[in-house]
Amino acid sequence: MSYLIKKPTFFYKTMNSNYQCNVYLCTMELLDKIQRKKSAALFAEAKEYFPGGVNSPVRAFKSVSGPPLFIKHGEGCRITDEDDNIYLDFCCSWGPLILGHNNAHIRESIIDTIQHGTSFGTPTKLGNILGKLIVENNRFIEKIRFVSSGTEAVMSALRLARGITGKSKVIKFEGCYHGHVDSLLVKAGSGLATFGVSTSAGIPESFAKETLVIPLNDRTALEEVLKQHAHETACIIIEPVPANNGLLLQDVEYLNFLREKCTEHGVLLIFDEVISGFRVGFEGAAGYYDIQPDIITYGKIIGGGMPVGAYAASKEYMSHIAPEGAVYQAGTLSANPVAMSAGYAALQMLVRPGFYENQEDKTKYFVGKLNDYCQQKNYEVTFPNIGSIFWVAFTPNRIQAADQIDPASMEKFKVLHHELLQRGVYLGPSGYEVGFISAAHTKADLDKAANIMCACFDIVFNG
């Protein structure tokens, strides 16, 4: 089938948006395949019940075109929307589905578990089993506490750091996202090492002032803020693999420098591994870079597709958590049996020898095909990647800090995202989001997706 007919550019108005972009006219056969009538109707209905029609902001497709896809089924590396359009999926539920959609082993484990109940508000054997699997295969932690989300894990880790040190301030980095925790939903103010400025209504200024925000990959800023504020700073928190605002890969030398400075100044180091944990390796970025943080937060993959989070540290530090210590944290659904059984089913497969090597090989193969094509065409686009994570960056330069991302490049992503949907490839609906390869993606799937993406880059760059 011919995907495109080259005709004069026209303005295409989406079904549920005023957004307009320059695209080529598609054949009627293709347009019939990518109708989103049912998704559009469901979105209109959803707006009656939910703010913006969604339960998480990025799902609203504000950064791209058309109504959001309402997905009804996932299988392997493919998802099917309510209009029966099928897409090769590189979002993977924003990362948790490293084994793909509807994995049989995980599904059967969940079904077996729910026959006995869904939650008891008590300890269960399944919690012990999953906790043991994680701790015994991770050199960087000795005890773990399960919670129900990555945001909850980060919130708890901050409280733990403050409880251990008796200090209140937190240092974070511009471009790193740590969930919607009040004190971390901040951006930098003016100056080199600045007090945080809230990026959301509803956060008291006093909360934001407890956070110091500095640029990534800036040793001078780090040294200055520690010189001025180490005496009142409980911790530094960083995504060791910053993957929420592009993929801002840091040099291992910088991460080691961060570790050294934390030790020197008596400040705890928190690795937020909600995305990188169990994605770049079973030991996450701590293992990938061989760096010992003081506290690590996890999420995503350890739930096997169910809601879950966790934070972990040494026995000494975790002894500060109630009921052993004075740092209170609780949760009715923490370590519920359904999430524990799903997580254990998933992690059993991840811990097998060669799993992560295979994932990284597939990702490099896929990215390599894209990179080779775009270099031949002299397109200004690069594909940063680590483990099974990749990003489409519309620049020839390496990006290690958020302010190096050109906001104008997001217009190119809008066109790319639209064109990919026409051909059955799904990326997360924002140019700042990363993509994920799952174990369910075969070489044939990656070849197909790469060929489609290359054709779409032709449209993006040639108009």
Protein backbone atom coordinates (compact mmCIF):
# COMPACT_ATOMS: atom_id res chain seq x y z
CA MET A 1 0.00 0.00 0.00
CA SER A 2 1.21 3.51 -0.77
CA TYR A 3 1.31 5.46 2.46
CA LEU A 4 1.55 8.98 1.10
CA ILE A 5 0.62 11.01 -1.90
CA LYS A 6 2.85 14.06 -2.23
CA LYS A 7 0.61 17.06 -2.73
CA PRO A 8 0.89 20.72 -1.76
CA THR A 9 1.06 21.20 1.98
CA PHE A 10 -2.21 22.02 3.66
CA PHE A 11 -3.38 22.70 7.19
CA TYR A 12 -4.71 19.60 8.90
CA LYS A 13 -7.13 20.20 11.75
CA THR A 14 -7.41 17.38 14.26
CA MET A 15 -10.75 16.04 15.35
CA ASN A 16 -10.63 17.43 18.87
CA SER A 17 -8.02 20.17 18.83
CA ASN A 18 -7.23 23.52 17.30
CA TYR A 19 -3.66 22.40 16.70
CA GLN A 20 -2.62 22.66 13.07
CA CYS A 21 0.49 21.25 11.44
CA ASN A 22 1.90 20.89 7.95
CA VAL A 23 1.46 17.32 6.71
CA TYR A 24 1.03 15.56 3.39
CA LEU A 25 -2.33 14.27 2.35
CA CYS A 26 -2.67 10.56 2.99
CA THR A 27 -4.47 8.08 0.78
CA MET A 28 -8.08 7.43 1.68
CA GLU A 29 -7.15 3.83 2.45
CA LEU A 30 -4.69 5.01 5.09
CA LEU A 31 -7.01 7.64 6.51
CA ASP A 32 -9.64 4.95 7.03
CA LYS A 33 -7.13 2.98 9.06
CA ILE A 34 -6.23 5.78 11.43
CA GLN A 35 -9.64 7.16 12.31
CA ARG A 36 -9.93 7.99 16.01
CA LYS A 37 -13.69 8.48 16.15
CA LYS A 38 -14.27 6.21 19.15
CA SER A 39 -11.26 7.61 21.00
CA ALA A 40 -12.49 11.15 20.26
CA ALA A 41 -15.96 10.32 21.58
CA LEU A 42 -14.56 8.70 24.71
CA PHE A 43 -12.30 11.70 25.28
CA ALA A 44 -15.25 14.07 24.99
CA GLU A 45 -17.12 11.96 27.55
CA ALA A 46 -14.07 11.77 29.83
CA LYS A 47 -13.93 15.57 29.99
CA GLU A 48 -17.25 15.43 31.85
CA TYR A 49 -15.68 13.35 34.62
CA PHE A 50 -11.95 14.15 34.83
CA PRO A 51 -9.93 17.40 34.74
CA GLY A 52 -8.85 17.78 31.12
CA GLY A 53 -10.43 14.42 30.40
CA VAL A 54 -7.50 12.47 31.85
CA ASN A 55 -6.08 11.14 35.10
CA SER A 56 -2.48 12.11 34.30
CA PRO A 57 -1.69 15.28 32.30
CA VAL A 58 0.56 13.97 29.52
CA ARG A 59 -2.15 11.56 28.39
CA ALA A 60 -4.21 14.49 27.04
CA PHE A 61 -2.04 14.72 23.87
CA LYS A 62 -1.61 18.47 24.42
CA SER A 63 1.89 18.35 22.91
CA VAL A 64 0.87 16.42 19.80
CA SER A 65 -2.13 16.23 17.46
CA GLY A 66 -5.56 14.72 17.72
CA PRO A 67 -7.45 13.18 20.63
CA PRO A 68 -5.58 10.77 22.92
CA LEU A 69 -5.76 7.11 22.04
CA PHE A 70 -8.03 5.05 24.25
CA ILE A 71 -6.37 1.63 24.40
CA LYS A 72 -8.43 -1.50 24.88
CA HIS A 73 -5.85 -4.25 24.46
CA GLY A 74 -2.14 -4.90 24.56
CA GLU A 75 -0.28 -7.99 23.43
CA GLY A 76 3.48 -8.32 23.24
CA CYS A 77 4.83 -5.12 21.71
CA ARG A 78 1.50 -4.03 20.21
CA ILE A 79 -1.48 -2.07 21.47
CA THR A 80 -4.96 -1.79 19.98
CA ASP A 81 -7.14 1.28 20.41
CA GLU A 82 -10.94 1.51 20.59
CA ASP A 83 -11.06 2.14 16.83
CA ASP A 84 -9.20 -1.16 16.27
CA ASN A 85 -6.02 0.57 15.08
CA ILE A 86 -2.94 -1.49 15.99
CA TYR A 87 0.37 0.13 16.90
CA LEU A 88 3.90 -1.03 17.58
CA ASP A 89 4.34 0.36 21.08
CA PHE A 90 7.52 2.07 22.29
CA CYS A 91 5.92 3.67 25.34
CA CYS A 92 5.34 0.42 27.24
CA SER A 93 3.07 2.11 29.80
CA TRP A 94 5.86 4.69 30.33
CA GLY A 95 8.43 2.01 31.10
CA PRO A 96 7.08 -0.70 33.42
CA LEU A 97 6.33 -3.26 30.69
CA ILE A 98 9.87 -4.43 30.03
CA LEU A 99 8.45 -7.87 29.15
CA GLY A 100 5.75 -6.44 26.89
CA HIS A 101 1.98 -6.27 27.21
CA ASN A 102 -0.10 -9.04 28.71
CA ASN A 103 2.85 -11.29 29.49
CA ALA A 104 1.46 -14.76 30.09
CA HIS A 105 3.65 -15.54 33.12
CA ILE A 106 2.68 -12.30 34.88
CA ARG A 107 -0.99 -12.63 33.92
CA GLU A 108 -1.22 -16.18 35.25
CA SER A 109 0.50 -15.17 38.47
CA ILE A 110 -1.99 -12.34 39.00
CA ILE A 111 -5.00 -14.58 38.28
CA ASP A 112 -3.73 -17.22 40.69
CA THR A 113 -3.20 -14.60 43.40
CA ILE A 114 -6.57 -12.83 43.13
CA GLN A 115 -8.38 -16.13 43.58
CA HIS A 116 -7.29 -15.83 47.20
CA GLY A 117 -8.03 -12.13 47.62
CA THR A 118 -6.67 -8.79 46.48
CA SER A 119 -5.55 -7.07 49.69
CA PHE A 120 -5.50 -7.88 53.38
CA GLY A 121 -3.69 -4.98 55.00
CA THR A 122 -1.37 -7.56 56.54
CA PRO A 123 2.04 -9.02 55.70
CA THR A 124 1.99 -11.75 53.07
CA LYS A 125 4.46 -14.39 51.98
CA LEU A 126 4.56 -12.83 48.52
CA GLY A 127 6.08 -9.66 49.97
CA ASN A 128 8.86 -11.71 51.54
CA ILE A 129 9.52 -13.55 48.30
CA LEU A 130 9.80 -10.41 46.18
CA GLY A 131 11.81 -8.56 48.82
CA LYS A 132 14.26 -11.44 49.05
CA LEU A 133 14.68 -11.64 45.27
CA ILE A 134 15.50 -7.94 45.05
CA VAL A 135 17.79 -7.62 48.07
CA GLU A 136 19.76 -10.81 47.41
CA ASN A 137 20.51 -9.70 43.84
CA ASN A 138 21.46 -6.09 44.57
CA ARG A 139 24.84 -5.22 46.12
CA PHE A 140 23.77 -1.66 46.85
CA ILE A 141 20.89 -2.22 49.29
CA GLU A 142 20.26 -4.29 52.42
CA LYS A 143 16.62 -3.56 53.23
CA ILE A 144 13.64 -2.35 51.21
CA ARG A 145 10.21 -0.87 51.93
CA PHE A 146 7.42 -1.28 49.37
CA VAL A 147 4.98 1.56 48.68
CA SER A 148 2.40 2.13 45.95
CA SER A 149 4.03 4.60 43.54
CA GLY A 150 7.30 6.20 42.53
CA THR A 151 6.17 9.55 43.92
CA GLU A 152 5.43 7.94 47.28
CA ALA A 153 8.84 6.27 47.23
CA VAL A 154 10.61 9.60 46.64
CA MET A 155 8.52 11.38 49.28
CA SER A 156 9.43 8.67 51.79
CA ALA A 157 13.11 8.73 50.85
CA LEU A 158 13.27 12.49 51.46
CA ARG A 159 11.65 12.09 54.85
CA LEU A 160 14.10 9.33 55.70
CA ALA A 161 17.08 11.48 54.71
CA ARG A 162 15.82 14.36 56.82
CA GLY A 163 15.17 12.01 59.73
CA ILE A 164 18.66 10.53 59.57
CA THR A 165 20.51 13.84 59.26
CA GLY A 166 18.27 16.19 61.22
CA LYS A 167 18.62 18.69 58.35
CA SER A 168 15.84 20.02 56.15
CA LYS A 169 17.06 21.25 52.76
CA VAL A 170 17.23 19.18 49.58
CA ILE A 171 19.37 19.74 46.50
CA LYS A 172 17.95 18.67 43.15
CA PHE A 173 18.91 19.22 39.52
CA GLU A 174 17.17 21.21 36.82
CA GLY A 175 15.74 18.75 34.32
CA CYS A 176 15.29 15.85 36.75
CA TYR A 177 11.73 14.90 37.68
CA HIS A 178 10.92 13.05 40.88
CA GLY A 179 7.16 12.74 40.84
CA HIS A 180 4.72 15.33 42.13
CA VAL A 181 6.27 15.69 45.58
CA ASP A 182 5.67 19.26 46.81
CA SER A 183 9.27 20.10 47.63
CA LEU A 184 10.58 18.67 44.34
CA LEU A 185 8.03 20.11 41.93
CA VAL A 186 10.23 23.17 41.58
CA LYS A 187 12.50 24.81 39.06
CA ALA A 188 15.55 27.02 39.44
CA GLY A 189 15.27 30.72 40.17
CA SER A 190 17.95 33.22 39.14
CA GLY A 191 21.61 32.72 39.97
CA LEU A 192 24.02 29.82 39.98
CA ALA A 193 22.74 27.91 43.01
CA THR A 194 19.17 28.95 43.64
CA PHE A 195 16.28 28.34 45.96
CA GLY A 196 13.49 26.53 44.21
CA VAL A 197 10.51 28.21 42.60
CA SER A 198 7.27 26.22 42.49
CA THR A 199 6.19 24.90 39.09
CA SER A 200 2.67 24.15 40.31
CA ALA A 201 -0.09 26.05 42.06
CA GLY A 202 -0.89 24.74 45.51
CA ILE A 203 2.69 24.43 46.74
CA PRO A 204 3.52 26.86 49.57
CA GLU A 205 6.53 29.04 48.90
CA SER A 206 8.03 27.85 52.17
CA PHE A 207 8.09 24.27 50.82
CA ALA A 208 9.83 25.32 47.61
CA LYS A 209 12.38 27.31 49.62
CA GLU A 210 13.56 24.08 51.23
CA THR A 211 14.81 22.95 47.82
CA LEU A 212 17.97 24.18 46.10
CA VAL A 213 18.05 23.70 42.34
CA ILE A 214 21.27 23.55 40.32
CA PRO A 215 22.09 22.68 36.69
CA LEU A 216 23.05 19.17 35.71
CA ASN A 217 26.65 18.49 34.74
CA ASP A 218 27.95 21.67 36.43
CA ARG A 219 30.68 20.94 38.99
CA THR A 220 31.09 24.59 39.93
CA ALA A 221 27.42 24.94 40.83
CA LEU A 222 27.53 21.76 42.89
CA GLU A 223 30.59 22.87 44.85
CA GLU A 224 29.17 26.34 45.46
CA VAL A 225 25.81 25.15 46.74
CA LEU A 226 27.47 22.64 49.08
CA LYS A 227 29.91 25.26 50.33
CA GLN A 228 27.01 27.56 51.22
CA HIS A 229 24.34 25.09 52.35
CA ALA A 230 25.81 21.69 53.27
CA HIS A 231 25.29 22.42 56.97
CA GLU A 232 21.50 22.56 56.42
CA THR A 233 21.16 20.06 53.56
CA ALA A 234 19.88 16.56 54.22
CA CYS A 235 20.38 15.09 50.77
CA ILE A 236 21.04 15.49 47.09
CA ILE A 237 18.58 13.69 44.82
CA ILE A 238 19.29 12.90 41.18
CA GLU A 239 18.05 10.66 38.43
CA PRO A 240 21.37 8.94 37.66
CA VAL A 241 19.83 8.33 34.24
CA PRO A 242 17.79 11.51 33.75
CA ALA A 243 14.91 10.30 31.57
CA ASN A 244 11.94 12.52 32.31
CA ASN A 245 13.02 15.60 30.36
CA GLY A 246 14.75 14.01 27.43
CA LEU A 247 17.51 11.48 28.03
CA LEU A 248 20.24 13.63 29.61
CA LEU A 249 22.96 11.03 29.99
CA GLN A 250 25.63 12.05 32.49
CA ASP A 251 29.28 11.01 32.44
CA VAL A 252 30.19 8.47 35.12
CA GLU A 253 32.96 10.85 36.23
CA TYR A 254 30.35 13.46 37.12
CA LEU A 255 28.25 10.96 39.07
CA ASN A 256 31.37 9.82 40.95
CA PHE A 257 32.19 13.48 41.66
CA LEU A 258 28.69 13.87 43.09
CA ARG A 259 29.23 10.83 45.33
CA GLU A 260 32.56 12.18 46.55
CA LYS A 261 31.15 15.61 47.37
CA CYS A 262 28.20 14.15 49.27
CA THR A 263 30.57 12.08 51.39
CA GLU A 264 32.89 15.04 51.92
CA HIS A 265 30.09 17.32 53.13
CA GLY A 266 28.04 14.81 55.12
CA VAL A 267 25.07 14.95 52.73
CA LEU A 268 23.13 11.83 51.76
CA LEU A 269 22.94 10.86 48.08
CA ILE A 270 19.60 9.61 46.75
CA PHE A 271 19.42 7.90 43.38
CA ASP A 272 15.91 8.18 41.96
CA GLU A 273 15.74 4.98 39.93
CA VAL A 274 12.01 4.88 39.33
CA ILE A 275 12.78 4.65 35.59
CA SER A 276 16.34 3.29 35.49
CA GLY A 277 15.84 0.69 38.22
CA PHE A 278 15.57 -2.80 36.71
CA ARG A 279 15.64 -1.15 33.27
CA VAL A 280 19.36 -0.60 32.64
CA GLY A 281 20.24 -3.63 34.78
CA PHE A 282 18.86 -5.60 37.71
CA GLU A 283 20.86 -3.34 40.04
CA GLY A 284 19.77 -0.27 38.10
CA ALA A 285 22.07 2.66 37.46
CA ALA A 286 23.88 2.07 40.76
CA GLY A 287 25.09 -1.23 39.34
CA TYR A 288 25.52 0.08 35.80
CA TYR A 289 27.89 2.82 36.99
CA ASP A 290 29.11 0.95 40.10
CA ILE A 291 28.29 3.85 42.43
CA GLN A 292 26.91 3.41 45.96
CA PRO A 293 24.09 5.84 46.78
CA ASP A 294 22.81 6.19 50.35
CA ILE A 295 19.14 5.69 49.43
CA ILE A 296 17.58 4.40 46.21
CA THR A 297 13.98 4.80 45.04
CA TYR A 298 12.32 2.34 42.66
CA GLY A 299 9.01 1.92 40.84
CA LYS A 300 7.67 0.98 37.41
CA ILE A 301 9.14 -2.43 36.55
CA ILE A 302 9.01 -3.99 40.03
CA GLY A 303 5.21 -4.05 39.86
CA GLY A 304 5.07 -6.10 36.67
CA GLY A 305 2.49 -3.63 35.38
CA MET A 306 0.72 -3.12 38.71
CA PRO A 307 1.08 0.08 40.82
CA VAL A 308 4.14 -0.16 43.04
CA GLY A 309 7.15 1.74 44.33
CA ALA A 310 9.91 1.13 46.83
CA TYR A 311 12.82 2.75 48.61
CA ALA A 312 15.87 0.94 49.89
CA ALA A 313 19.15 1.51 51.70
CA SER A 314 21.51 -0.05 54.22
CA LYS A 315 20.20 -1.79 57.32
CA GLU A 316 21.47 1.13 59.38
CA TYR A 317 19.56 3.77 57.44
CA MET A 318 16.39 1.70 57.05
CA SER A 319 16.33 1.11 60.83
CA HIS A 320 15.15 4.72 61.13
CA ILE A 321 11.82 3.75 59.51
CA ALA A 322 8.82 2.99 61.75
CA PRO A 323 8.16 0.70 63.51
CA GLU A 324 11.90 0.38 64.22
CA GLY A 325 12.66 4.06 64.14
CA ALA A 326 11.10 7.50 64.41
CA VAL A 327 10.55 8.21 60.69
CA TYR A 328 6.89 7.43 60.06
CA GLN A 329 5.62 6.05 56.77
CA ALA A 330 2.67 3.76 56.13
CA GLY A 331 0.34 2.58 53.38
CA THR A 332 -2.80 0.45 53.38
CA LEU A 333 -2.09 -1.12 50.00
CA SER A 334 1.70 -1.26 50.31
CA ALA A 335 3.02 -4.68 49.28
CA ASN A 336 -0.46 -5.88 48.36
CA PRO A 337 -0.38 -9.48 47.12
CA VAL A 338 -1.44 -8.69 43.55
CA ALA A 339 1.42 -6.24 42.98
CA MET A 340 3.88 -8.52 44.74
CA SER A 341 2.93 -11.56 42.66
CA ALA A 342 3.10 -9.56 39.42
CA GLY A 343 6.47 -8.10 40.38
CA TYR A 344 7.91 -11.44 41.37
CA ALA A 345 6.75 -13.04 38.12
CA ALA A 346 8.43 -10.25 36.16
CA LEU A 347 11.67 -10.06 38.09
CA GLN A 348 12.16 -13.82 37.95
CA MET A 349 12.67 -13.42 34.22
CA LEU A 350 14.77 -10.27 34.49
CA VAL A 351 17.30 -11.86 36.81
CA ARG A 352 18.15 -14.58 34.29
CA PRO A 353 21.66 -14.36 32.78
CA GLY A 354 21.84 -12.44 29.53
CA PHE A 355 18.49 -10.67 29.81
CA TYR A 356 19.87 -7.14 29.99
CA GLU A 357 22.63 -7.76 27.47
CA ASN A 358 19.99 -8.90 24.98
CA GLN A 359 17.85 -5.85 25.68
CA GLU A 360 20.76 -3.49 25.16
CA ASP A 361 21.81 -5.26 21.96
CA LYS A 362 18.30 -4.90 20.53
CA THR A 363 18.17 -1.23 21.44
CA LYS A 364 21.54 -0.48 19.87
CA TYR A 365 20.47 -2.37 16.74
CA PHE A 366 17.27 -0.33 16.46
CA VAL A 367 18.90 2.99 17.22
CA GLY A 368 21.78 2.14 14.89
CA LYS A 369 19.43 1.73 11.93
CA LEU A 370 17.82 5.10 12.66
CA ASN A 371 21.15 6.79 13.17
CA ASP A 372 22.71 5.39 9.99
CA TYR A 373 19.78 6.54 7.87
CA CYS A 374 19.62 10.02 9.36
CA GLN A 375 23.37 10.52 9.05
CA GLN A 376 23.23 9.54 5.38
CA LYS A 377 20.48 12.11 4.87
CA ASN A 378 22.27 14.75 6.98
CA TYR A 379 19.22 15.10 9.21
CA GLU A 380 19.90 16.91 12.47
CA VAL A 381 18.62 14.26 14.83
CA THR A 382 20.37 11.95 17.29
CA PHE A 383 19.26 9.00 19.39
CA PRO A 384 20.76 8.95 22.90
CA ASN A 385 20.31 5.54 24.48
CA ILE A 386 21.23 3.43 27.48
CA GLY A 387 20.12 -0.11 28.27
CA SER A 388 16.69 -0.41 26.63
CA ILE A 389 15.88 3.33 26.79
CA PHE A 390 16.19 5.67 23.81
CA TRP A 391 15.25 9.25 22.93
CA VAL A 392 14.66 11.13 19.70
CA ALA A 393 16.61 14.41 19.99
CA PHE A 394 16.29 16.88 17.12
CA THR A 395 19.85 18.14 17.37
CA PRO A 396 23.28 16.94 16.20
CA ASN A 397 24.75 17.78 19.61
CA ARG A 398 24.97 15.79 22.81
CA ILE A 399 22.50 17.08 25.40
CA GLN A 400 23.32 16.72 29.09
CA ALA A 401 21.25 19.52 30.61
CA ALA A 402 17.64 20.61 30.22
CA ASP A 403 18.46 24.11 29.00
CA GLN A 404 20.28 22.61 26.00
CA ILE A 405 16.97 21.33 24.58
CA ASP A 406 15.62 23.70 21.94
CA PRO A 407 11.87 24.12 22.58
CA ALA A 408 11.40 24.75 18.85
CA SER A 409 12.50 21.18 18.17
CA MET A 410 9.24 19.99 19.71
CA GLU A 411 7.46 21.20 16.56
CA LYS A 412 9.37 18.56 14.63
CA PHE A 413 8.31 15.95 17.15
CA LYS A 414 4.66 16.90 16.67
CA VAL A 415 4.93 16.13 12.98
CA LEU A 416 6.89 12.93 13.65
CA HIS A 417 4.37 11.69 16.20
CA HIS A 418 1.44 12.36 13.89
CA GLU A 419 3.08 10.62 10.93
CA LEU A 420 4.08 7.62 13.03
CA LEU A 421 0.52 7.14 14.22
CA GLN A 422 -0.63 7.05 10.61
CA ARG A 423 1.66 4.08 10.06
CA GLY A 424 1.06 2.20 13.28
CA VAL A 425 3.97 3.22 15.52
CA TYR A 426 3.29 4.67 18.97
CA LEU A 427 5.70 6.86 20.92
CA GLY A 428 4.78 8.68 24.11
CA PRO A 429 2.89 11.90 23.23
CA SER A 430 5.68 14.36 24.08
CA GLY A 431 9.06 15.07 22.57
CA TYR A 432 10.53 15.26 26.06
CA GLU A 433 9.61 11.65 26.81
CA VAL A 434 11.86 8.67 26.15
CA GLY A 435 11.05 5.43 24.35
CA PHE A 436 11.44 1.89 25.63
CA ILE A 437 12.30 -1.44 24.03
CA SER A 438 10.69 -4.51 25.58
CA ALA A 439 11.62 -8.18 25.49
CA ALA A 440 8.55 -8.65 23.29
CA HIS A 441 10.03 -6.54 20.46
CA THR A 442 11.52 -8.92 17.89
CA LYS A 443 14.15 -8.03 15.32
CA ALA A 444 11.40 -8.06 12.68
CA ASP A 445 9.35 -5.63 14.77
CA LEU A 446 12.34 -3.33 15.16
CA ASP A 447 13.14 -3.49 11.44
CA LYS A 448 9.54 -2.59 10.59
CA ALA A 449 9.44 0.27 13.08
CA ALA A 450 12.84 1.61 11.97
CA ASN A 451 11.79 1.62 8.31
CA ILE A 452 8.60 3.48 9.17
CA MET A 453 10.44 5.99 11.35
CA CYS A 454 12.98 6.67 8.62
CA ALA A 455 10.17 7.39 6.14
CA CYS A 456 8.63 9.76 8.67
CA PHE A 457 11.94 11.59 9.18
CA ASP A 458 11.89 12.28 5.46
CA ILE A 459 8.58 14.07 5.95
CA VAL A 460 9.75 15.93 9.06
CA PHE A 461 12.88 17.29 7.39
CA ASN A 462 11.76 17.64 3.78
CA GLY A 463 8.24 18.92 4.31
